[in-house]
Amino acid sequence: MKEHNRFMNELFRIVNGSLRLDIDKVRNYTSFLADKLEKEGDKFSAGRLRKMLEENDQQLRPVDLGYARALPVDAESRFPLIERVNWRAVLEAPVVLTQDQRDVVNEFLSVAKSYALLDAQGAAGSINLLMYGPPGTGKSRIARFIAKELDLELYMARLDGLISSFLGSTSKNIRALFDFAARTPCVLFLDEFDAIAKLRGDSQELGELKRVVNSFIQNLDTIGPQSIVLAATNHEDLLDSAVWRRFSYRLELNFPIAELRRQLWLQFLKPFDFREREVELLVDLSEGFTGADIEEVCQRLQRRRIVLQHDPELKDAFQILQNIGIGEGKERRFLSLIRGNDVSAIISALRDRNAKLYTSAALAGLLGVSKATAYRRTLKRDEKNG
């Protein structure tokens, strides 16, 4: 059964394009099917499909996956509406999610991979996923992960080109965007989604933007259930309720809990020699930070190692965390309460937080002072507080 259904998704799309007299769709998905057959070792069938394309239209030719069509552009500015994201050139660590989040992603992937089987049973539906949460929590990384798992090209909408200053052009651009996605084997990723899907009842918005939302909803409804659309927003409260209903799969991404932070630190600290106890300190210190923040800390550690030519220590990671914590996240990051380089103030704040975790030895490593100095400061602070 699995062997039978492996290529049915593409076959269904080819038939759909034929019934709609959509030559581009037939061409693109036939070429895509030929590529998949060749990857599976069936070069004979792949060759036959490509020969059929050549014989039936001299303008049709075998193409590489992802280059079947010219990218759509804005009619006035000629600015591209989407850009191809080459996930194959990006070597990324595994996506770190809670079990609930992983369940949503796995279910979405299972449905996308088994669309032909579900459609044959009358159980197919839209394959749309909406991701929402603060910046840096992994929305773009998950989009790349999904495209990789499905072995499809990833195209990201360029909102700076999509939203036009010319009256009515934005709706035309949205139509061109969805036409491209409907005819091309790909995952369409709409980042900063709230820019085109705001509440239609918002009295502050112009009538043109309300028409844009209507246009988006209409195009999403007509794109066809076989197309895969991902959307991401940092401001889910701005989305129109009708837009929410178009996404049957929804994934909330928030600031990582302690266990996820531990996985992230272990993942990104692999090039360095940090002890388990030091990792636990970083897990606690990074409360309220995103996965992107933790990755940035480790990238800066790598830069220090290259430029200063010495292996980074715990105090280096602590300094970088303090620096990244400046200017944002005061309401969620306890580390943002610690200002400056006042050793006594830092020791006091950390001991107040968790005296068992922030021992004098741990404080010595964080502050880059001797254990004796950290012990005296800690003892003095504890005696003062009774």
Protein backbone atom coordinates (compact mmCIF):
# COMPACT_ATOMS: atom_id res chain seq x y z
CA MET A 1 0.00 0.00 0.00
CA LYS A 2 2.82 2.44 0.89
CA GLU A 3 4.53 1.69 -2.43
CA HIS A 4 1.26 2.26 -4.27
CA ASN A 5 0.59 5.62 -2.59
CA ARG A 6 4.13 6.98 -2.76
CA PHE A 7 3.61 8.95 -5.96
CA MET A 8 -0.17 9.38 -5.85
CA ASN A 9 -0.01 12.98 -4.62
CA GLU A 10 1.71 14.09 -7.83
CA LEU A 11 -0.61 11.96 -9.98
CA PHE A 12 -3.68 13.55 -8.38
CA ARG A 13 -2.25 17.02 -9.02
CA ILE A 14 -1.48 16.18 -12.66
CA VAL A 15 -5.04 14.93 -13.20
CA ASN A 16 -6.41 18.02 -11.45
CA GLY A 17 -4.38 20.27 -13.73
CA SER A 18 -5.54 18.36 -16.81
CA LEU A 19 -9.20 18.70 -15.87
CA ARG A 20 -8.71 22.43 -15.33
CA LEU A 21 -6.76 22.76 -18.61
CA ASP A 22 -3.87 24.13 -16.53
CA ILE A 23 -0.86 23.28 -18.71
CA ASP A 24 1.65 24.83 -16.32
CA LYS A 25 0.43 22.67 -13.47
CA VAL A 26 0.53 19.50 -15.59
CA ARG A 27 4.03 20.32 -16.76
CA ASN A 28 5.44 21.20 -13.36
CA TYR A 29 4.03 18.26 -11.46
CA THR A 30 4.86 15.79 -14.26
CA SER A 31 8.45 17.00 -14.14
CA PHE A 32 8.38 16.78 -10.34
CA LEU A 33 7.06 13.21 -10.53
CA ALA A 34 9.84 12.30 -12.98
CA ASP A 35 12.42 13.66 -10.53
CA LYS A 36 10.96 11.58 -7.68
CA LEU A 37 10.87 8.42 -9.80
CA GLU A 38 14.50 8.95 -10.79
CA LYS A 39 15.49 9.39 -7.14
CA GLU A 40 13.78 6.08 -6.37
CA GLY A 41 15.83 4.38 -9.08
CA ASP A 42 13.09 4.11 -11.74
CA LYS A 43 14.99 5.91 -14.50
CA PHE A 44 12.91 4.22 -17.21
CA SER A 45 9.59 5.70 -16.00
CA ALA A 46 11.23 9.07 -15.36
CA GLY A 47 12.58 9.07 -18.92
CA ARG A 48 9.19 8.20 -20.38
CA LEU A 49 7.51 11.07 -18.55
CA ARG A 50 10.13 13.55 -19.74
CA LYS A 51 9.89 12.27 -23.29
CA MET A 52 6.10 12.73 -23.20
CA LEU A 53 6.63 16.35 -22.12
CA GLU A 54 9.03 16.95 -24.99
CA GLU A 55 6.91 15.24 -27.63
CA ASN A 56 3.67 17.01 -26.74
CA ASP A 57 5.05 20.52 -26.57
CA GLN A 58 8.38 21.62 -27.97
CA GLN A 59 8.49 24.40 -25.38
CA LEU A 60 8.25 21.91 -22.54
CA ARG A 61 11.49 20.43 -21.35
CA PRO A 62 12.70 18.53 -18.28
CA VAL A 63 13.49 20.99 -15.55
CA ASP A 64 15.17 20.83 -12.17
CA LEU A 65 12.89 20.82 -9.16
CA GLY A 66 12.12 24.38 -8.08
CA TYR A 67 12.82 26.11 -11.39
CA ALA A 68 9.66 25.18 -13.29
CA ARG A 69 8.29 28.71 -13.41
CA ALA A 70 9.51 32.26 -13.38
CA LEU A 71 8.89 33.88 -10.02
CA PRO A 72 5.92 36.30 -9.94
CA VAL A 73 6.68 40.02 -9.69
CA ASP A 74 4.75 43.20 -8.93
CA ALA A 75 3.37 44.60 -12.21
CA GLU A 76 4.41 48.21 -11.50
CA SER A 77 7.72 47.93 -9.63
CA ARG A 78 8.81 44.54 -11.05
CA PHE A 79 9.83 43.69 -7.48
CA PRO A 80 9.73 39.91 -6.81
CA LEU A 81 6.73 38.71 -4.79
CA ILE A 82 8.46 35.64 -3.44
CA GLU A 83 11.97 34.28 -3.02
CA ARG A 84 13.25 30.73 -3.01
CA VAL A 85 14.74 29.57 0.29
CA ASN A 86 17.44 27.00 -0.40
CA TRP A 87 17.08 24.81 2.69
CA ARG A 88 19.40 22.24 1.11
CA ALA A 89 22.33 24.63 1.56
CA VAL A 90 21.58 25.18 5.26
CA LEU A 91 23.05 22.74 7.79
CA GLU A 92 20.84 23.16 10.83
CA ALA A 93 20.59 21.38 14.15
CA PRO A 94 17.37 19.42 14.77
CA VAL A 95 14.24 21.39 15.64
CA VAL A 96 13.67 21.42 19.42
CA LEU A 97 9.98 21.25 20.41
CA THR A 98 7.82 20.13 23.28
CA GLN A 99 5.95 16.86 22.79
CA ASP A 100 2.67 18.71 22.16
CA GLN A 101 4.31 20.89 19.52
CA ARG A 102 6.01 17.91 17.91
CA ASP A 103 2.68 16.09 17.76
CA VAL A 104 1.15 18.95 15.72
CA VAL A 105 4.10 19.07 13.31
CA ASN A 106 4.17 15.28 12.89
CA GLU A 107 0.43 15.13 12.23
CA PHE A 108 0.73 17.91 9.65
CA LEU A 109 3.59 16.11 7.91
CA SER A 110 1.72 12.79 7.94
CA VAL A 111 -1.30 14.38 6.28
CA ALA A 112 0.84 16.15 3.67
CA LYS A 113 2.67 12.92 2.82
CA SER A 114 -0.53 10.85 2.66
CA TYR A 115 -2.81 13.28 0.86
CA ALA A 116 -3.58 10.86 -1.99
CA LEU A 117 -4.69 8.12 0.40
CA LEU A 118 -6.84 10.53 2.42
CA ASP A 119 -8.39 12.00 -0.70
CA ALA A 120 -9.32 8.54 -1.98
CA GLN A 121 -11.14 7.93 1.32
CA GLY A 122 -12.88 11.32 1.22
CA ALA A 123 -10.96 12.54 4.28
CA ALA A 124 -8.61 15.09 2.69
CA GLY A 125 -8.73 18.72 3.74
CA SER A 126 -6.64 21.85 3.52
CA ILE A 127 -2.95 21.51 4.32
CA ASN A 128 -2.38 24.86 6.02
CA LEU A 129 -0.34 25.48 9.17
CA LEU A 130 -0.31 28.73 11.17
CA MET A 131 2.62 29.30 13.54
CA TYR A 132 2.45 32.08 16.09
CA GLY A 133 4.52 33.37 18.96
CA PRO A 134 7.35 35.81 19.80
CA PRO A 135 10.26 36.43 17.41
CA GLY A 136 13.12 33.96 17.58
CA THR A 137 11.08 30.97 18.70
CA GLY A 138 11.70 28.87 15.58
CA LYS A 139 8.95 29.61 13.05
CA SER A 140 11.26 30.00 10.05
CA ARG A 141 13.33 27.00 11.15
CA ILE A 142 10.20 24.85 11.28
CA ALA A 143 9.19 26.02 7.79
CA ARG A 144 12.59 24.85 6.50
CA PHE A 145 12.22 21.59 8.42
CA ILE A 146 8.79 20.89 6.90
CA ALA A 147 10.03 21.61 3.36
CA LYS A 148 12.98 19.30 3.97
CA GLU A 149 10.78 16.49 5.32
CA LEU A 150 8.48 16.79 2.29
CA ASP A 151 11.43 17.23 -0.10
CA LEU A 152 9.77 20.30 -1.63
CA GLU A 153 11.11 23.70 -2.54
CA LEU A 154 10.36 26.44 -0.02
CA TYR A 155 9.19 29.83 -1.27
CA MET A 156 8.79 32.77 1.10
CA ALA A 157 6.48 35.66 0.27
CA ARG A 158 8.21 39.04 0.02
CA LEU A 159 5.78 41.32 1.82
CA ASP A 160 7.76 44.42 0.81
CA GLY A 161 6.92 43.55 -2.81
CA LEU A 162 3.50 42.05 -2.18
CA ILE A 163 1.99 45.14 -0.55
CA SER A 164 1.86 47.79 -3.27
CA SER A 165 1.21 51.51 -2.97
CA PHE A 166 -1.00 51.33 -6.06
CA LEU A 167 -4.70 50.91 -5.37
CA GLY A 168 -5.80 47.38 -6.12
CA SER A 169 -2.33 46.07 -6.98
CA THR A 170 -1.88 44.24 -3.68
CA SER A 171 -4.88 42.00 -4.37
CA LYS A 172 -3.48 41.24 -7.84
CA ASN A 173 -0.15 40.36 -6.28
CA ILE A 174 -1.81 38.00 -3.81
CA ARG A 175 -3.58 36.30 -6.71
CA ALA A 176 -0.28 35.91 -8.61
CA LEU A 177 1.35 34.50 -5.49
CA PHE A 178 -1.30 31.84 -4.98
CA ASP A 179 -1.44 31.02 -8.71
CA PHE A 180 2.28 30.27 -8.55
CA ALA A 181 1.88 28.06 -5.45
CA ALA A 182 -1.05 26.17 -6.98
CA ARG A 183 0.96 25.25 -10.08
CA THR A 184 4.39 24.64 -8.56
CA PRO A 185 5.47 21.78 -6.30
CA CYS A 186 6.43 23.77 -3.22
CA VAL A 187 5.76 24.89 0.32
CA LEU A 188 4.54 28.51 0.36
CA PHE A 189 5.67 30.36 3.50
CA LEU A 190 3.95 33.61 4.51
CA ASP A 191 6.13 35.21 7.18
CA GLU A 192 4.99 38.29 9.14
CA PHE A 193 1.55 37.15 8.16
CA ASP A 194 -0.33 39.82 10.12
CA ALA A 195 0.77 42.40 7.53
CA ILE A 196 -1.80 41.02 5.06
CA ALA A 197 -4.29 39.28 7.37
CA LYS A 198 -5.28 41.95 9.89
CA LEU A 199 -8.67 42.30 11.47
CA ARG A 200 -11.19 43.58 8.95
CA GLY A 201 -13.05 45.30 11.77
CA ASP A 202 -10.06 47.44 12.75
CA SER A 203 -11.34 51.01 12.44
CA GLN A 204 -7.77 52.29 12.06
CA GLU A 205 -7.18 50.38 8.82
CA LEU A 206 -8.02 51.71 5.37
CA GLY A 207 -10.69 50.12 3.22
CA GLU A 208 -7.99 48.96 0.79
CA LEU A 209 -6.35 46.82 3.50
CA LYS A 210 -9.71 45.29 4.36
CA ARG A 211 -10.10 44.36 0.71
CA VAL A 212 -6.65 42.79 0.86
CA VAL A 213 -7.79 40.50 3.68
CA ASN A 214 -10.85 39.51 1.66
CA SER A 215 -8.64 38.83 -1.35
CA PHE A 216 -6.29 36.70 0.72
CA ILE A 217 -9.15 34.61 2.12
CA GLN A 218 -10.68 34.09 -1.32
CA ASN A 219 -7.36 32.98 -2.81
CA LEU A 220 -6.60 30.66 0.09
CA ASP A 221 -10.03 29.07 -0.37
CA THR A 222 -9.46 28.47 -4.08
CA ILE A 223 -5.82 27.40 -4.09
CA GLY A 224 -6.83 23.78 -3.66
CA PRO A 225 -6.32 21.39 -0.75
CA GLN A 226 -3.29 19.81 -2.38
CA SER A 227 -1.22 22.98 -1.93
CA ILE A 228 0.84 23.44 1.23
CA VAL A 229 0.72 26.86 2.89
CA LEU A 230 2.60 27.86 6.05
CA ALA A 231 2.06 31.18 7.78
CA ALA A 232 3.84 32.80 10.72
CA THR A 233 3.10 35.81 12.87
CA ASN A 234 4.46 37.48 15.99
CA HIS A 235 1.10 39.21 16.54
CA GLU A 236 -1.61 36.58 16.45
CA ASP A 237 -4.02 38.95 18.21
CA LEU A 238 -4.12 41.06 15.02
CA LEU A 239 -5.36 38.26 12.78
CA ASP A 240 -8.90 38.24 11.45
CA SER A 241 -11.06 35.42 12.83
CA ALA A 242 -11.92 34.30 9.30
CA VAL A 243 -8.20 33.86 8.64
CA TRP A 244 -7.83 31.64 11.71
CA ARG A 245 -10.56 29.36 10.37
CA ARG A 246 -8.58 28.79 7.14
CA PHE A 247 -5.76 27.13 9.08
CA SER A 248 -6.79 23.75 10.42
CA TYR A 249 -3.34 23.23 11.97
CA ARG A 250 -2.08 25.77 14.50
CA LEU A 251 1.22 25.77 16.34
CA GLU A 252 2.01 28.05 19.26
CA LEU A 253 5.72 28.69 19.79
CA ASN A 254 6.68 30.40 23.01
CA PHE A 255 9.81 31.04 25.04
CA PRO A 256 11.37 27.63 25.68
CA ILE A 257 10.87 25.99 29.05
CA ALA A 258 13.86 24.75 31.06
CA GLU A 259 14.00 21.30 29.45
CA LEU A 260 13.95 22.78 25.95
CA ARG A 261 16.62 25.31 26.91
CA ARG A 262 18.75 22.43 28.16
CA GLN A 263 18.39 20.66 24.81
CA LEU A 264 19.22 23.87 22.96
CA TRP A 265 22.35 24.54 25.02
CA LEU A 266 23.57 20.96 24.62
CA GLN A 267 22.89 21.20 20.89
CA PHE A 268 24.68 24.50 20.24
CA LEU A 269 27.49 24.01 22.78
CA LYS A 270 28.78 20.84 21.08
CA PRO A 271 31.95 22.53 19.75
CA PHE A 272 32.87 23.64 23.28
CA ASP A 273 33.96 21.87 26.46
CA PHE A 274 31.32 22.92 28.99
CA ARG A 275 30.65 20.70 31.99
CA GLU A 276 27.17 19.50 32.90
CA ARG A 277 27.05 21.76 35.97
CA GLU A 278 27.92 24.77 33.81
CA VAL A 279 25.15 23.89 31.33
CA GLU A 280 22.63 23.81 34.20
CA LEU A 281 23.69 27.32 35.18
CA LEU A 282 23.19 28.53 31.60
CA VAL A 283 19.77 26.84 31.46
CA ASP A 284 18.66 28.83 34.50
CA LEU A 285 20.29 32.08 33.41
CA SER A 286 18.62 31.92 29.99
CA GLU A 287 15.05 31.88 31.30
CA GLY A 288 12.98 34.13 29.03
CA PHE A 289 15.47 33.89 26.15
CA THR A 290 14.56 32.36 22.80
CA GLY A 291 16.22 29.54 20.96
CA ALA A 292 17.61 32.13 18.54
CA ASP A 293 19.17 33.96 21.51
CA ILE A 294 20.87 30.79 22.74
CA GLU A 295 22.18 30.07 19.26
CA GLU A 296 23.51 33.64 19.04
CA VAL A 297 25.37 33.21 22.35
CA CYS A 298 27.11 30.12 20.98
CA GLN A 299 27.94 31.84 17.69
CA ARG A 300 29.55 34.69 19.62
CA LEU A 301 31.49 32.17 21.71
CA GLN A 302 32.82 30.68 18.47
CA ARG A 303 33.86 34.13 17.25
CA ARG A 304 35.69 34.77 20.53
CA ARG A 305 37.52 31.47 20.18
CA ILE A 306 38.65 32.34 16.65
CA VAL A 307 39.62 35.97 17.34
CA LEU A 308 41.09 35.57 20.84
CA GLN A 309 42.49 32.10 20.18
CA HIS A 310 41.40 30.54 23.45
CA ASP A 311 38.56 28.25 24.44
CA PRO A 312 35.54 30.15 25.82
CA GLU A 313 34.72 29.75 29.47
CA LEU A 314 31.53 30.03 31.50
CA LYS A 315 32.22 33.70 32.23
CA ASP A 316 32.24 34.41 28.47
CA ALA A 317 28.77 32.87 28.02
CA PHE A 318 27.49 34.82 31.05
CA GLN A 319 28.81 38.12 29.67
CA ILE A 320 27.20 37.49 26.29
CA LEU A 321 23.86 36.55 27.89
CA GLN A 322 23.95 39.80 29.88
CA ASN A 323 24.68 41.75 26.70
CA ILE A 324 21.92 40.10 24.67
CA GLY A 325 19.46 40.72 27.52
CA ILE A 326 19.87 44.49 27.22
CA GLY A 327 16.97 46.44 25.73
CA GLU A 328 14.23 43.83 25.66
CA GLY A 329 12.47 41.19 27.69
CA LYS A 330 12.57 42.98 31.05
CA GLU A 331 9.25 41.47 31.98
CA ARG A 332 10.39 37.89 31.31
CA ARG A 333 14.16 37.77 31.88
CA PHE A 334 15.34 37.85 35.46
CA LEU A 335 18.86 38.38 34.09
CA SER A 336 17.82 41.79 32.78
CA LEU A 337 17.49 42.92 36.41
CA ILE A 338 21.24 42.52 36.90
CA ARG A 339 22.95 45.64 35.59
CA GLY A 340 26.61 46.55 35.29
CA ASN A 341 29.65 44.69 36.61
CA ASP A 342 29.06 45.11 40.33
CA VAL A 343 30.21 41.70 41.59
CA SER A 344 28.47 42.07 44.94
CA ALA A 345 25.14 43.00 43.30
CA ILE A 346 25.38 40.08 40.88
CA ILE A 347 26.18 37.61 43.65
CA SER A 348 23.29 38.93 45.73
CA ALA A 349 20.79 38.61 42.86
CA LEU A 350 21.89 35.10 41.94
CA ARG A 351 21.95 33.87 45.54
CA ASP A 352 18.44 35.28 46.04
CA ARG A 353 17.31 33.35 43.00
CA ASN A 354 18.71 29.93 43.93
CA ALA A 355 21.34 29.57 46.65
CA LYS A 356 21.79 25.83 46.03
CA LEU A 357 22.48 26.32 42.33
CA TYR A 358 24.63 29.45 42.62
CA THR A 359 27.30 28.16 44.98
CA SER A 360 30.54 30.03 45.52
CA ALA A 361 32.24 27.70 43.01
CA ALA A 362 29.52 28.39 40.42
CA LEU A 363 29.75 32.14 41.03
CA ALA A 364 33.53 32.03 40.61
CA GLY A 365 33.10 30.48 37.16
CA LEU A 366 30.42 32.94 36.11
CA LEU A 367 32.30 36.02 37.27
CA GLY A 368 35.83 34.92 36.40
CA VAL A 369 37.11 35.38 39.96
CA SER A 370 38.89 32.96 42.26
CA LYS A 371 36.85 30.53 44.35
CA ALA A 372 38.26 32.16 47.49
CA THR A 373 37.04 35.59 46.37
CA ALA A 374 33.62 34.25 45.45
CA TYR A 375 33.40 32.41 48.79
CA ARG A 376 34.26 35.54 50.81
CA ARG A 377 31.77 37.66 48.88
CA THR A 378 29.08 35.01 49.23
CA LEU A 379 29.72 34.56 52.94
CA LYS A 380 29.65 38.31 53.52
CA ARG A 381 26.40 38.65 51.60
CA ASP A 382 24.73 35.71 53.42
CA GLU A 383 25.82 37.03 56.85
CA LYS A 384 24.42 40.46 55.99
CA ASN A 385 21.06 38.96 55.04
CA GLY A 386 20.95 36.82 58.14
